[in-house]
Amino acid sequence: MADSNLKPWSQVCIKLLQGPIFRQNANDKLWDKLEMYESDIQSFFAILGVSVSIDKADGFAYLRQNELNEEDDKISRLIRQIPLTEEQSFLCILLRDELNKFDNPNNSQDKSSVLILRETELYEQFASFYTPKSDQITARKNFKKNLDRLCELGLLKEQNPDDSDNEQEYEVRRYIRAKIDSQFCEDFMAKLKEKEGNNG
């Protein structure tokens, strides 16, 4: 028996509670419902102290915790900060920088396309700035784990996960700019320089 309490936009809310959602194509029914019932969805989450951030141009949406005053702050937050390791944070900053270069108006790339990077290319850039603390084989395995983690968070998208014969490629999702902002980058780099200074 169907639940009469369900709304046409209930599935959208469930997906948002599970993580960011992305427009898959021009006929994405879930995304269509998000846009059609945006007001209802925003009202539902507002009760929980949360808003839905929607980027219609780049096709992604995610939940964002609203600022709480001292009295409201006693309520448990629905959206919790997901901690990143130092290596994951540095990788995010590197990816964000690559995306900014790709989206630069002076870039001759087709603006309707997405940024795709090969795993080896990513690792070489990462290792040139962030010296691995372990041997090459272990470093590559750890790097792959970091890539997998960023895929879980929706910041990267593995292109052909079932293709073991060819080198893996990743789409750098523009969602990364929403989660890794310029202030995060500045704070992280300042802490990294301070750490290097103390070690020196």
C-alpha atoms as a PDB file:
ATOM      1  CA  MET A   1       0.000   0.000   0.000  1.00  0.00           C
ATOM      2  CA  ALA A   2       1.418   3.359  -1.029  1.00  0.00           C
ATOM      3  CA  ASP A   3       2.222   5.878   1.711  1.00  0.00           C
ATOM      4  CA  SER A   4      -0.141   8.821   1.206  1.00  0.00           C
ATOM      5  CA  ASN A   5       2.155  11.056   3.296  1.00  0.00           C
ATOM      6  CA  LEU A   6       4.911  10.983   0.692  1.00  0.00           C
ATOM      7  CA  LYS A   7       5.342  14.096  -1.400  1.00  0.00           C
ATOM      8  CA  PRO A   8       6.354  14.250  -5.073  1.00  0.00           C
ATOM      9  CA  TRP A   9       9.678  15.687  -3.878  1.00  0.00           C
ATOM     10  CA  SER A  10      10.339  13.200  -1.036  1.00  0.00           C
ATOM     11  CA  GLN A  11      12.885  11.249  -3.074  1.00  0.00           C
ATOM     12  CA  VAL A  12      14.857  14.442  -3.747  1.00  0.00           C
ATOM     13  CA  CYS A  13      15.099  15.121   0.000  1.00  0.00           C
ATOM     14  CA  ILE A  14      16.266  11.570   0.676  1.00  0.00           C
ATOM     15  CA  LYS A  15      18.998  11.861  -1.955  1.00  0.00           C
ATOM     16  CA  LEU A  16      20.137  15.216  -0.567  1.00  0.00           C
ATOM     17  CA  LEU A  17      20.388  13.718   2.923  1.00  0.00           C
ATOM     18  CA  GLN A  18      22.667  11.056   1.455  1.00  0.00           C
ATOM     19  CA  GLY A  19      25.000  13.580  -0.184  1.00  0.00           C
ATOM     20  CA  PRO A  20      25.228  16.025  -3.087  1.00  0.00           C
ATOM     21  CA  ILE A  21      23.160  15.319  -6.177  1.00  0.00           C
ATOM     22  CA  PHE A  22      24.272  16.024  -9.721  1.00  0.00           C
ATOM     23  CA  ARG A  23      22.306  16.614 -12.906  1.00  0.00           C
ATOM     24  CA  GLN A  24      23.084  13.566 -15.026  1.00  0.00           C
ATOM     25  CA  ASN A  25      21.655  14.782 -18.329  1.00  0.00           C
ATOM     26  CA  ALA A  26      19.014  17.039 -19.865  1.00  0.00           C
ATOM     27  CA  ASN A  27      16.274  14.509 -18.998  1.00  0.00           C
ATOM     28  CA  ASP A  28      17.244  13.870 -15.385  1.00  0.00           C
ATOM     29  CA  LYS A  29      13.899  13.314 -13.623  1.00  0.00           C
ATOM     30  CA  LEU A  30      15.320  13.760 -10.122  1.00  0.00           C
ATOM     31  CA  TRP A  31      16.868  17.116 -11.074  1.00  0.00           C
ATOM     32  CA  ASP A  32      13.616  18.162 -12.749  1.00  0.00           C
ATOM     33  CA  LYS A  33      11.765  17.509  -9.482  1.00  0.00           C
ATOM     34  CA  LEU A  34      14.378  19.506  -7.567  1.00  0.00           C
ATOM     35  CA  GLU A  35      13.750  22.528  -9.750  1.00  0.00           C
ATOM     36  CA  MET A  36       9.974  22.025  -9.913  1.00  0.00           C
ATOM     37  CA  TYR A  37       9.533  21.710  -6.134  1.00  0.00           C
ATOM     38  CA  GLU A  38      12.456  23.874  -5.030  1.00  0.00           C
ATOM     39  CA  SER A  39      10.295  26.045  -2.767  1.00  0.00           C
ATOM     40  CA  ASP A  40       8.747  23.041  -0.983  1.00  0.00           C
ATOM     41  CA  ILE A  41      12.127  21.382  -0.538  1.00  0.00           C
ATOM     42  CA  GLN A  42      13.702  24.562   0.853  1.00  0.00           C
ATOM     43  CA  SER A  43      10.795  24.987   3.285  1.00  0.00           C
ATOM     44  CA  PHE A  44      11.120  21.399   4.498  1.00  0.00           C
ATOM     45  CA  PHE A  45      14.837  21.683   5.237  1.00  0.00           C
ATOM     46  CA  ALA A  46      14.482  25.185   6.741  1.00  0.00           C
ATOM     47  CA  ILE A  47      12.635  23.586   9.675  1.00  0.00           C
ATOM     48  CA  LEU A  48      15.834  21.638  10.377  1.00  0.00           C
ATOM     49  CA  GLY A  49      18.076  24.707  10.153  1.00  0.00           C
ATOM     50  CA  VAL A  50      19.389  23.668   6.751  1.00  0.00           C
ATOM     51  CA  SER A  51      19.221  25.195   3.283  1.00  0.00           C
ATOM     52  CA  VAL A  52      19.648  23.645  -0.132  1.00  0.00           C
ATOM     53  CA  SER A  53      22.395  25.224  -2.203  1.00  0.00           C
ATOM     54  CA  ILE A  54      21.642  24.751  -5.895  1.00  0.00           C
ATOM     55  CA  ASP A  55      24.013  25.568  -8.741  1.00  0.00           C
ATOM     56  CA  LYS A  56      21.799  25.327 -11.806  1.00  0.00           C
ATOM     57  CA  ALA A  57      24.550  26.381 -14.194  1.00  0.00           C
ATOM     58  CA  ASP A  58      26.908  23.545 -13.233  1.00  0.00           C
ATOM     59  CA  GLY A  59      24.192  21.124 -12.207  1.00  0.00           C
ATOM     60  CA  PHE A  60      24.738  20.213  -8.559  1.00  0.00           C
ATOM     61  CA  ALA A  61      22.931  20.682  -5.262  1.00  0.00           C
ATOM     62  CA  TYR A  62      23.835  20.001  -1.642  1.00  0.00           C
ATOM     63  CA  LEU A  63      22.688  20.716   1.902  1.00  0.00           C
ATOM     64  CA  ARG A  64      24.277  23.541   3.842  1.00  0.00           C
ATOM     65  CA  GLN A  65      23.987  24.162   7.572  1.00  0.00           C
ATOM     66  CA  ASN A  66      22.511  27.563   8.364  1.00  0.00           C
ATOM     67  CA  GLU A  67      24.220  29.814  10.902  1.00  0.00           C
ATOM     68  CA  LEU A  68      22.777  29.177  14.353  1.00  0.00           C
ATOM     69  CA  ASN A  69      22.533  31.622  17.249  1.00  0.00           C
ATOM     70  CA  GLU A  70      23.590  30.648  20.779  1.00  0.00           C
ATOM     71  CA  GLU A  71      20.142  29.306  21.704  1.00  0.00           C
ATOM     72  CA  ASP A  72      19.689  27.349  18.467  1.00  0.00           C
ATOM     73  CA  ASP A  73      23.239  26.042  18.651  1.00  0.00           C
ATOM     74  CA  LYS A  74      22.104  23.676  21.418  1.00  0.00           C
ATOM     75  CA  ILE A  75      20.269  21.746  18.704  1.00  0.00           C
ATOM     76  CA  SER A  76      22.272  18.992  17.035  1.00  0.00           C
ATOM     77  CA  ARG A  77      23.534  20.049  13.635  1.00  0.00           C
ATOM     78  CA  LEU A  78      22.232  17.977  10.755  1.00  0.00           C
ATOM     79  CA  ILE A  79      25.195  18.773   8.501  1.00  0.00           C
ATOM     80  CA  ARG A  80      28.513  17.913  10.090  1.00  0.00           C
ATOM     81  CA  GLN A  81      31.925  18.885   8.832  1.00  0.00           C
ATOM     82  CA  ILE A  82      33.680  15.957   7.182  1.00  0.00           C
ATOM     83  CA  PRO A  83      37.336  16.055   8.205  1.00  0.00           C
ATOM     84  CA  LEU A  84      39.934  15.702   5.471  1.00  0.00           C
ATOM     85  CA  THR A  85      43.441  14.472   6.047  1.00  0.00           C
ATOM     86  CA  GLU A  86      46.319  16.812   5.297  1.00  0.00           C
ATOM     87  CA  GLU A  87      47.035  15.007   2.025  1.00  0.00           C
ATOM     88  CA  GLN A  88      43.370  15.078   0.977  1.00  0.00           C
ATOM     89  CA  SER A  89      43.146  18.790   1.757  1.00  0.00           C
ATOM     90  CA  PHE A  90      46.245  19.528  -0.297  1.00  0.00           C
ATOM     91  CA  LEU A  91      44.909  17.422  -3.166  1.00  0.00           C
ATOM     92  CA  CYS A  92      41.614  19.336  -3.072  1.00  0.00           C
ATOM     93  CA  ILE A  93      43.460  22.653  -3.321  1.00  0.00           C
ATOM     94  CA  LEU A  94      45.486  21.333  -6.259  1.00  0.00           C
ATOM     95  CA  LEU A  95      42.334  20.137  -8.039  1.00  0.00           C
ATOM     96  CA  ARG A  96      40.554  23.413  -7.385  1.00  0.00           C
ATOM     97  CA  ASP A  97      43.489  25.305  -8.878  1.00  0.00           C
ATOM     98  CA  GLU A  98      43.453  23.077 -11.972  1.00  0.00           C
ATOM     99  CA  LEU A  99      39.722  23.678 -12.361  1.00  0.00           C
ATOM    100  CA  ASN A 100      40.178  27.443 -12.087  1.00  0.00           C
ATOM    101  CA  LYS A 101      42.794  27.325 -14.842  1.00  0.00           C
ATOM    102  CA  PHE A 102      40.494  25.205 -16.981  1.00  0.00           C
ATOM    103  CA  ASP A 103      37.564  27.596 -16.511  1.00  0.00           C
ATOM    104  CA  ASN A 104      39.658  30.701 -17.145  1.00  0.00           C
ATOM    105  CA  PRO A 105      38.082  32.756 -19.972  1.00  0.00           C
ATOM    106  CA  ASN A 106      41.468  32.831 -21.711  1.00  0.00           C
ATOM    107  CA  ASN A 107      41.489  29.046 -21.856  1.00  0.00           C
ATOM    108  CA  SER A 108      40.756  27.868 -25.379  1.00  0.00           C
ATOM    109  CA  GLN A 109      39.008  24.719 -24.107  1.00  0.00           C
ATOM    110  CA  ASP A 110      35.338  24.216 -24.896  1.00  0.00           C
ATOM    111  CA  LYS A 111      33.485  25.726 -21.940  1.00  0.00           C
ATOM    112  CA  SER A 112      30.715  23.112 -22.174  1.00  0.00           C
ATOM    113  CA  SER A 113      33.216  20.341 -21.456  1.00  0.00           C
ATOM    114  CA  VAL A 114      34.475  19.075 -18.119  1.00  0.00           C
ATOM    115  CA  LEU A 115      37.977  18.814 -16.747  1.00  0.00           C
ATOM    116  CA  ILE A 116      39.306  15.265 -17.007  1.00  0.00           C
ATOM    117  CA  LEU A 117      42.682  14.349 -15.501  1.00  0.00           C
ATOM    118  CA  ARG A 118      44.608  11.072 -15.616  1.00  0.00           C
ATOM    119  CA  GLU A 119      45.647   9.447 -12.332  1.00  0.00           C
ATOM    120  CA  THR A 120      49.352   9.565 -13.236  1.00  0.00           C
ATOM    121  CA  GLU A 121      49.067  13.226 -14.184  1.00  0.00           C
ATOM    122  CA  LEU A 122      47.413  13.982 -10.860  1.00  0.00           C
ATOM    123  CA  TYR A 123      49.992  12.045  -8.881  1.00  0.00           C
ATOM    124  CA  GLU A 124      52.932  13.743 -10.598  1.00  0.00           C
ATOM    125  CA  GLN A 125      51.505  17.181  -9.826  1.00  0.00           C
ATOM    126  CA  PHE A 126      50.724  16.171  -6.250  1.00  0.00           C
ATOM    127  CA  ALA A 127      54.178  14.665  -5.639  1.00  0.00           C
ATOM    128  CA  SER A 128      55.967  17.678  -7.120  1.00  0.00           C
ATOM    129  CA  PHE A 129      54.530  19.878  -4.355  1.00  0.00           C
ATOM    130  CA  TYR A 130      53.837  17.406  -1.584  1.00  0.00           C
ATOM    131  CA  THR A 131      56.705  14.992  -1.040  1.00  0.00           C
ATOM    132  CA  PRO A 132      55.425  11.494  -0.160  1.00  0.00           C
ATOM    133  CA  LYS A 133      56.579  10.253   3.255  1.00  0.00           C
ATOM    134  CA  SER A 134      56.752   6.618   2.140  1.00  0.00           C
ATOM    135  CA  ASP A 135      58.202   4.534  -0.685  1.00  0.00           C
ATOM    136  CA  GLN A 136      56.841   4.948  -4.224  1.00  0.00           C
ATOM    137  CA  ILE A 137      54.562   1.884  -4.198  1.00  0.00           C
ATOM    138  CA  THR A 138      53.000   2.725  -0.836  1.00  0.00           C
ATOM    139  CA  ALA A 139      52.704   6.387  -1.827  1.00  0.00           C
ATOM    140  CA  ARG A 140      50.761   5.473  -4.991  1.00  0.00           C
ATOM    141  CA  LYS A 141      48.431   3.182  -3.048  1.00  0.00           C
ATOM    142  CA  ASN A 142      47.756   5.918  -0.490  1.00  0.00           C
ATOM    143  CA  PHE A 143      47.203   8.419  -3.290  1.00  0.00           C
ATOM    144  CA  LYS A 144      44.604   6.114  -4.879  1.00  0.00           C
ATOM    145  CA  LYS A 145      42.843   5.843  -1.509  1.00  0.00           C
ATOM    146  CA  ASN A 146      42.729   9.641  -1.325  1.00  0.00           C
ATOM    147  CA  LEU A 147      41.238   9.805  -4.826  1.00  0.00           C
ATOM    148  CA  ASP A 148      38.624   7.231  -3.825  1.00  0.00           C
ATOM    149  CA  ARG A 149      37.748   9.305  -0.774  1.00  0.00           C
ATOM    150  CA  LEU A 150      37.242  12.440  -2.857  1.00  0.00           C
ATOM    151  CA  CYS A 151      35.031  10.427  -5.195  1.00  0.00           C
ATOM    152  CA  GLU A 152      32.923   9.340  -2.204  1.00  0.00           C
ATOM    153  CA  LEU A 153      32.503  13.009  -1.257  1.00  0.00           C
ATOM    154  CA  GLY A 154      31.410  13.924  -4.786  1.00  0.00           C
ATOM    155  CA  LEU A 155      34.424  16.122  -5.506  1.00  0.00           C
ATOM    156  CA  LEU A 156      35.773  13.774  -8.175  1.00  0.00           C
ATOM    157  CA  LYS A 157      34.066  11.313 -10.494  1.00  0.00           C
ATOM    158  CA  GLU A 158      35.867   8.192 -11.654  1.00  0.00           C
ATOM    159  CA  GLN A 159      35.262   7.833 -15.385  1.00  0.00           C
ATOM    160  CA  ASN A 160      35.529   4.076 -15.973  1.00  0.00           C
ATOM    161  CA  PRO A 161      35.796   2.316 -12.601  1.00  0.00           C
ATOM    162  CA  ASP A 162      35.326  -1.135 -14.150  1.00  0.00           C
ATOM    163  CA  ASP A 163      38.064  -0.691 -16.745  1.00  0.00           C
ATOM    164  CA  SER A 164      41.178  -2.237 -15.225  1.00  0.00           C
ATOM    165  CA  ASP A 165      43.107  -2.375 -18.505  1.00  0.00           C
ATOM    166  CA  ASN A 166      43.536   1.366 -18.964  1.00  0.00           C
ATOM    167  CA  GLU A 167      44.768   4.140 -16.701  1.00  0.00           C
ATOM    168  CA  GLN A 168      41.991   5.653 -14.661  1.00  0.00           C
ATOM    169  CA  GLU A 169      40.722   9.138 -15.395  1.00  0.00           C
ATOM    170  CA  TYR A 170      38.781  11.505 -13.145  1.00  0.00           C
ATOM    171  CA  GLU A 171      36.380  14.339 -13.726  1.00  0.00           C
ATOM    172  CA  VAL A 172      37.043  17.287 -11.431  1.00  0.00           C
ATOM    173  CA  ARG A 173      33.546  18.341 -10.444  1.00  0.00           C
ATOM    174  CA  ARG A 174      32.832  22.036 -10.044  1.00  0.00           C
ATOM    175  CA  TYR A 175      31.195  21.149  -6.754  1.00  0.00           C
ATOM    176  CA  ILE A 176      34.730  21.223  -5.328  1.00  0.00           C
ATOM    177  CA  ARG A 177      34.685  25.045  -5.453  1.00  0.00           C
ATOM    178  CA  ALA A 178      31.558  25.085  -3.287  1.00  0.00           C
ATOM    179  CA  LYS A 179      33.136  22.901  -0.600  1.00  0.00           C
ATOM    180  CA  ILE A 180      36.750  24.076  -0.837  1.00  0.00           C
ATOM    181  CA  ASP A 181      36.558  27.867  -0.876  1.00  0.00           C
ATOM    182  CA  SER A 182      39.363  30.407  -1.022  1.00  0.00           C
ATOM    183  CA  GLN A 183      39.350  30.860   2.769  1.00  0.00           C
ATOM    184  CA  PHE A 184      39.900  27.133   3.265  1.00  0.00           C
ATOM    185  CA  CYS A 185      42.837  27.285   0.857  1.00  0.00           C
ATOM    186  CA  GLU A 186      44.411  30.270   2.605  1.00  0.00           C
ATOM    187  CA  ASP A 187      44.006  28.761   6.080  1.00  0.00           C
ATOM    188  CA  PHE A 188      45.409  25.398   5.031  1.00  0.00           C
ATOM    189  CA  MET A 189      48.437  26.838   3.248  1.00  0.00           C
ATOM    190  CA  ALA A 190      49.172  29.091   6.238  1.00  0.00           C
ATOM    191  CA  LYS A 191      49.099  26.088   8.578  1.00  0.00           C
ATOM    192  CA  LEU A 192      51.288  24.094   6.192  1.00  0.00           C
ATOM    193  CA  LYS A 193      53.899  26.877   6.048  1.00  0.00           C
ATOM    194  CA  GLU A 194      53.817  27.188   9.838  1.00  0.00           C
ATOM    195  CA  LYS A 195      54.333  23.430  10.147  1.00  0.00           C
ATOM    196  CA  GLU A 196      57.264  23.507   7.719  1.00  0.00           C
ATOM    197  CA  GLY A 197      58.777  26.410   9.641  1.00  0.00           C
ATOM    198  CA  ASN A 198      58.525  24.532  12.918  1.00  0.00           C
ATOM    199  CA  ASN A 199      60.057  21.416  11.384  1.00  0.00           C
ATOM    200  CA  GLY A 200      62.835  23.453   9.834  1.00  0.00           C
END
